[in-house]
Amino acid sequence: MSKLSKFIIAIIVIVLIVLGALYINQNINNEENNKLESGAGNSLAEIIEENETNNESNNTSDSEETNNENIIKNQENNEDTNTKPEKVIYPVNLTTSELKEIEEYLNQKENNGFVSPYNTYTKPSEINLNTIFYDAFALEGGNNSLSEDELNAYKAMGRYGDTDIRKVTTEQAKQRYLEKTGETLTNLSSRLNWIYLEQYDAYYTEGGDTGMVDVKCLSGLKNEDGTYVVKVNAGNVNETVTLKKNGDNYLFISNVKE
């Protein structure tokens, strides 16, 4: 065999060896790439799943934290709401302003007769109607008008009609009594010894003086049932007046001398 032939064979062998090596190396790379691709896919899925799990965990944690904060706030609100005021122990002393308010009320013309020393009672049915209506329904106070016919009818009953005349109708008497005592007026004709004129359904009397007395509130107590027991000096006479609050006014329950 010539040298040229040997050289060509040698070249062919080398080429085959190189090609074989390249083929083997390519296969190895393909297998590794497949493994890497498979592994990368799994890792990505795992990462996504892990992220979702973490997010759910964080959301749950945030939700629990928010719920805890709400629970704490609700507890604080409940504590504020459930805070009970101090229990009032009765009887309670009336304040200076309360006594002043009652004093002004008792010195009003329509109320003064209820605390007159000439009008003592332990219950409303014992109230002297002559006393509570005498100044409250004086004509100069503008409560009622008196016509000439009424005056003549009054004089016809043997009265003079020369001094100040008081007039109260049956309806007015009932309304005023209810307003000031909270009770229904009964036996009006037997309890009020004024002249009654049937044609006017009204009662009349006269007098030149006043039955008003100066009232000073000295002290007082408020009971649990809403009654006020007030020590007063009325016309220089010490009395104990029992009242009950009724809106902006008071109801008269009793008036007794000490």
Protein backbone atom coordinates (compact mmCIF):
# COMPACT_ATOMS: atom_id res chain seq x y z
CA MET A 1 0.00 0.00 0.00
CA SER A 2 1.34 3.37 -0.95
CA LYS A 3 2.02 6.14 1.53
CA LEU A 4 -0.77 8.19 -0.01
CA SER A 5 -3.30 5.45 0.59
CA LYS A 6 -2.18 5.05 4.20
CA PHE A 7 -2.51 8.81 4.70
CA ILE A 8 -6.04 8.94 3.28
CA ILE A 9 -7.12 6.02 5.47
CA ALA A 10 -5.65 7.74 8.50
CA ILE A 11 -7.57 10.94 7.70
CA ILE A 12 -10.80 8.98 7.28
CA VAL A 13 -10.28 7.21 10.62
CA ILE A 14 -9.65 10.52 12.39
CA VAL A 15 -12.75 12.04 10.81
CA LEU A 16 -14.84 9.07 11.91
CA ILE A 17 -13.46 9.29 15.42
CA VAL A 18 -14.24 13.00 15.61
CA LEU A 19 -17.74 12.50 14.23
CA GLY A 20 -18.37 9.70 16.68
CA ALA A 21 -17.20 11.83 19.57
CA LEU A 22 -19.41 14.69 18.46
CA TYR A 23 -22.45 12.38 18.19
CA ILE A 24 -21.91 10.93 21.66
CA ASN A 25 -21.41 14.38 23.16
CA GLN A 26 -24.61 15.64 21.46
CA ASN A 27 -26.65 12.79 22.93
CA ILE A 28 -25.28 13.48 26.37
CA ASN A 29 -26.15 17.18 26.07
CA ASN A 30 -29.67 16.37 24.88
CA GLU A 31 -30.29 14.09 27.87
CA GLU A 32 -29.01 16.71 30.30
CA ASN A 33 -31.11 19.41 28.67
CA ASN A 34 -34.19 17.21 28.95
CA LYS A 35 -33.45 16.64 32.59
CA LEU A 36 -32.89 20.33 33.17
CA GLU A 37 -36.10 21.26 31.34
CA SER A 38 -38.05 18.73 33.35
CA GLY A 39 -36.45 19.89 36.59
CA ALA A 40 -37.00 23.57 35.74
CA GLY A 41 -40.69 22.91 35.06
CA ASN A 42 -41.16 21.21 38.34
CA SER A 43 -39.34 23.96 40.17
CA LEU A 44 -41.50 26.66 38.56
CA ALA A 45 -44.72 24.85 39.48
CA GLU A 46 -43.43 24.37 42.98
CA ILE A 47 -42.49 28.02 43.20
CA ILE A 48 -45.93 29.13 42.01
CA GLU A 49 -47.63 26.78 44.43
CA GLU A 50 -45.38 27.96 47.22
CA ASN A 51 -46.14 31.60 46.44
CA GLU A 52 -49.86 30.94 46.45
CA THR A 53 -49.57 29.13 49.76
CA ASN A 54 -47.58 32.02 51.21
CA ASN A 55 -50.13 34.53 49.96
CA GLU A 56 -52.99 32.58 51.51
CA SER A 57 -51.02 32.35 54.72
CA ASN A 58 -50.36 36.09 54.70
CA ASN A 59 -54.00 36.84 53.92
CA THR A 60 -55.12 34.55 56.71
CA SER A 61 -52.68 36.21 59.08
CA ASP A 62 -53.85 39.69 58.07
CA SER A 63 -57.49 38.62 58.42
CA GLU A 64 -56.85 37.14 61.85
CA GLU A 65 -55.02 40.30 62.90
CA THR A 66 -57.91 42.48 61.68
CA ASN A 67 -60.43 40.27 63.46
CA ASN A 68 -58.41 40.50 66.64
CA GLU A 69 -58.34 44.28 66.38
CA ASN A 70 -62.12 44.35 65.84
CA ILE A 71 -62.66 42.06 68.82
CA ILE A 72 -60.55 44.33 71.00
CA LYS A 73 -62.44 47.42 69.80
CA ASN A 74 -65.79 45.73 70.41
CA GLN A 75 -64.69 44.76 73.88
CA GLU A 76 -63.65 48.34 74.59
CA ASN A 77 -66.95 49.66 73.23
CA ASN A 78 -68.88 47.13 75.29
CA GLU A 79 -66.96 48.16 78.38
CA ASP A 80 -67.87 51.81 77.73
CA THR A 81 -71.50 50.92 77.02
CA ASN A 82 -71.80 48.66 80.01
CA THR A 83 -70.39 51.28 82.36
CA LYS A 84 -73.25 51.92 84.77
CA PRO A 85 -73.76 55.27 86.50
CA GLU A 86 -73.59 55.44 90.23
CA LYS A 87 -76.81 54.38 91.89
CA VAL A 88 -78.65 57.31 93.43
CA ILE A 89 -79.44 56.85 97.10
CA TYR A 90 -82.75 58.44 98.04
CA PRO A 91 -83.89 60.75 99.50
CA VAL A 92 -81.71 63.37 97.80
CA ASN A 93 -81.28 66.92 99.07
CA LEU A 94 -82.70 69.49 96.68
CA THR A 95 -80.14 71.87 95.22
CA THR A 96 -80.24 75.62 95.67
CA SER A 97 -81.42 76.08 92.09
CA GLU A 98 -84.20 73.48 92.55
CA LEU A 99 -85.40 75.21 95.71
CA LYS A 100 -85.34 78.55 93.91
CA GLU A 101 -87.42 77.15 91.05
CA ILE A 102 -90.03 75.74 93.46
CA GLU A 103 -90.09 79.00 95.45
CA GLU A 104 -90.85 81.01 92.31
CA TYR A 105 -93.57 78.51 91.40
CA LEU A 106 -95.26 78.75 94.82
CA ASN A 107 -95.30 82.55 94.68
CA GLN A 108 -97.25 82.62 91.41
CA LYS A 109 -100.86 83.82 91.83
CA GLU A 110 -102.43 80.59 90.54
CA ASN A 111 -100.32 78.44 92.91
CA ASN A 112 -99.98 80.54 96.05
CA GLY A 113 -103.32 79.49 97.56
CA PHE A 114 -102.13 75.86 97.71
CA VAL A 115 -99.52 76.76 100.35
CA SER A 116 -101.53 79.30 102.33
CA PRO A 117 -101.51 78.71 106.12
CA TYR A 118 -105.32 78.83 105.83
CA ASN A 119 -105.28 75.87 103.48
CA THR A 120 -103.78 72.75 105.03
CA TYR A 121 -104.52 69.27 103.71
CA THR A 122 -103.08 65.75 103.68
CA LYS A 123 -104.58 64.88 100.28
CA PRO A 124 -106.04 66.86 97.36
CA SER A 125 -109.67 66.09 98.27
CA GLU A 126 -109.17 68.17 101.46
CA ILE A 127 -107.98 71.30 99.61
CA ASN A 128 -109.87 74.50 100.43
CA LEU A 129 -111.17 75.56 97.02
CA ASN A 130 -112.11 79.04 98.28
CA THR A 131 -108.45 79.74 99.01
CA ILE A 132 -106.93 78.41 95.78
CA PHE A 133 -109.45 80.22 93.55
CA TYR A 134 -109.69 83.53 95.45
CA ASP A 135 -106.65 85.25 93.93
CA ALA A 136 -106.18 82.92 90.97
CA PHE A 137 -109.52 84.02 89.47
CA ALA A 138 -109.63 87.68 90.51
CA LEU A 139 -111.16 89.68 87.65
CA GLU A 140 -108.37 92.24 87.63
CA GLY A 141 -106.08 89.40 86.64
CA GLY A 142 -107.89 89.15 83.32
CA ASN A 143 -109.13 85.57 83.87
CA ASN A 144 -112.77 86.32 83.16
CA SER A 145 -114.97 89.15 81.99
CA LEU A 146 -118.10 90.11 83.91
CA SER A 147 -121.04 91.44 81.91
CA GLU A 148 -123.53 93.95 83.27
CA ASP A 149 -126.20 91.27 83.26
CA GLU A 150 -123.99 89.01 85.34
CA LEU A 151 -123.29 91.81 87.81
CA ASN A 152 -127.01 92.52 88.15
CA ALA A 153 -127.75 88.82 88.61
CA TYR A 154 -125.04 88.68 91.27
CA LYS A 155 -126.49 91.69 93.10
CA ALA A 156 -129.93 90.10 92.89
CA MET A 157 -128.56 87.35 95.14
CA GLY A 158 -128.24 89.93 97.91
CA ARG A 159 -124.65 90.91 97.16
CA TYR A 160 -123.28 94.41 96.86
CA GLY A 161 -120.74 94.02 94.08
CA ASP A 162 -118.86 97.12 95.28
CA THR A 163 -115.46 95.42 95.79
CA ASP A 164 -113.27 93.25 93.58
CA ILE A 165 -115.20 90.29 92.21
CA ARG A 166 -113.83 86.82 91.55
CA LYS A 167 -115.44 84.55 89.00
CA VAL A 168 -114.73 80.92 88.06
CA THR A 169 -116.82 78.75 85.76
CA THR A 170 -117.46 75.10 86.55
CA GLU A 171 -115.30 74.07 83.61
CA GLN A 172 -112.46 76.36 84.69
CA ALA A 173 -112.58 75.01 88.24
CA LYS A 174 -112.38 71.41 87.07
CA GLN A 175 -109.58 72.12 84.63
CA ARG A 176 -107.50 74.08 87.15
CA TYR A 177 -107.95 71.43 89.85
CA LEU A 178 -106.86 68.66 87.47
CA GLU A 179 -103.89 70.71 86.29
CA LYS A 180 -102.68 71.39 89.85
CA THR A 181 -103.46 68.08 91.57
CA GLY A 182 -103.70 65.48 88.82
CA GLU A 183 -107.13 64.45 90.17
CA THR A 184 -110.74 64.93 89.09
CA LEU A 185 -112.70 67.58 90.96
CA THR A 186 -115.86 66.29 92.65
CA ASN A 187 -118.47 67.95 94.92
CA LEU A 188 -117.59 71.42 93.62
CA SER A 189 -120.80 73.06 94.86
CA SER A 190 -120.34 71.79 98.40
CA ARG A 191 -116.65 72.61 98.55
CA LEU A 192 -116.80 76.14 97.10
CA ASN A 193 -119.06 78.51 99.09
CA TRP A 194 -119.32 81.20 96.41
CA ILE A 195 -122.53 82.46 94.79
CA TYR A 196 -123.55 80.18 91.93
CA LEU A 197 -125.42 81.55 88.90
CA GLU A 198 -126.89 78.68 86.97
CA GLN A 199 -127.48 80.65 83.77
CA TYR A 200 -123.74 81.27 83.52
CA ASP A 201 -122.62 78.01 85.18
CA ALA A 202 -120.18 80.06 87.21
CA TYR A 203 -119.31 80.90 90.82
CA TYR A 204 -118.75 84.44 92.16
CA THR A 205 -117.39 86.12 95.29
CA GLU A 206 -115.89 89.48 96.17
CA GLY A 207 -113.33 91.00 98.48
CA GLY A 208 -111.01 93.97 98.69
CA ASP A 209 -107.94 92.27 100.07
CA THR A 210 -105.62 89.50 98.82
CA GLY A 211 -104.94 86.06 100.14
CA MET A 212 -101.41 85.99 98.72
CA VAL A 213 -98.59 85.10 101.15
CA ASP A 214 -94.84 85.43 100.69
CA VAL A 215 -93.27 81.96 100.42
CA LYS A 216 -89.64 81.09 101.16
CA CYS A 217 -88.26 77.60 100.52
CA LEU A 218 -85.96 76.59 103.38
CA SER A 219 -84.89 73.05 102.42
CA GLY A 220 -86.19 69.99 100.64
CA LEU A 221 -85.77 66.35 99.68
CA LYS A 222 -86.54 64.38 96.56
CA ASN A 223 -87.83 60.84 97.03
CA GLU A 224 -87.43 57.87 94.71
CA ASP A 225 -91.12 58.02 93.74
CA GLY A 226 -90.57 61.52 92.30
CA THR A 227 -92.16 63.46 95.17
CA TYR A 228 -90.57 66.58 96.65
CA VAL A 229 -90.93 67.27 100.37
CA VAL A 230 -90.18 70.94 100.89
CA LYS A 231 -89.90 72.94 104.11
CA VAL A 232 -91.31 76.42 103.53
CA ASN A 233 -92.13 79.56 105.39
CA ALA A 234 -95.47 80.87 104.11
CA GLY A 235 -96.74 84.12 105.66
CA ASN A 236 -94.39 83.57 108.64
CA VAL A 237 -95.78 80.08 109.20
CA ASN A 238 -93.52 77.04 108.78
CA GLU A 239 -95.08 74.29 106.69
CA THR A 240 -94.14 71.11 104.87
CA VAL A 241 -95.40 71.00 101.29
CA THR A 242 -95.35 67.79 99.26
CA LEU A 243 -95.20 68.17 95.48
CA LYS A 244 -94.64 65.98 92.47
CA LYS A 245 -92.89 67.04 89.27
CA ASN A 246 -95.23 67.18 86.28
CA GLY A 247 -93.39 68.36 83.17
CA ASP A 248 -92.44 71.99 83.78
CA ASN A 249 -94.92 72.25 86.68
CA TYR A 250 -95.67 70.56 89.99
CA LEU A 251 -98.68 68.75 91.40
CA PHE A 252 -99.80 69.58 94.96
CA ILE A 253 -100.21 66.55 97.19
CA SER A 254 -100.27 67.92 100.75
CA ASN A 255 -99.60 71.00 102.87
CA VAL A 256 -99.25 70.60 106.64
CA LYS A 257 -98.12 72.98 109.36
CA GLU A 258 -95.12 72.02 111.45
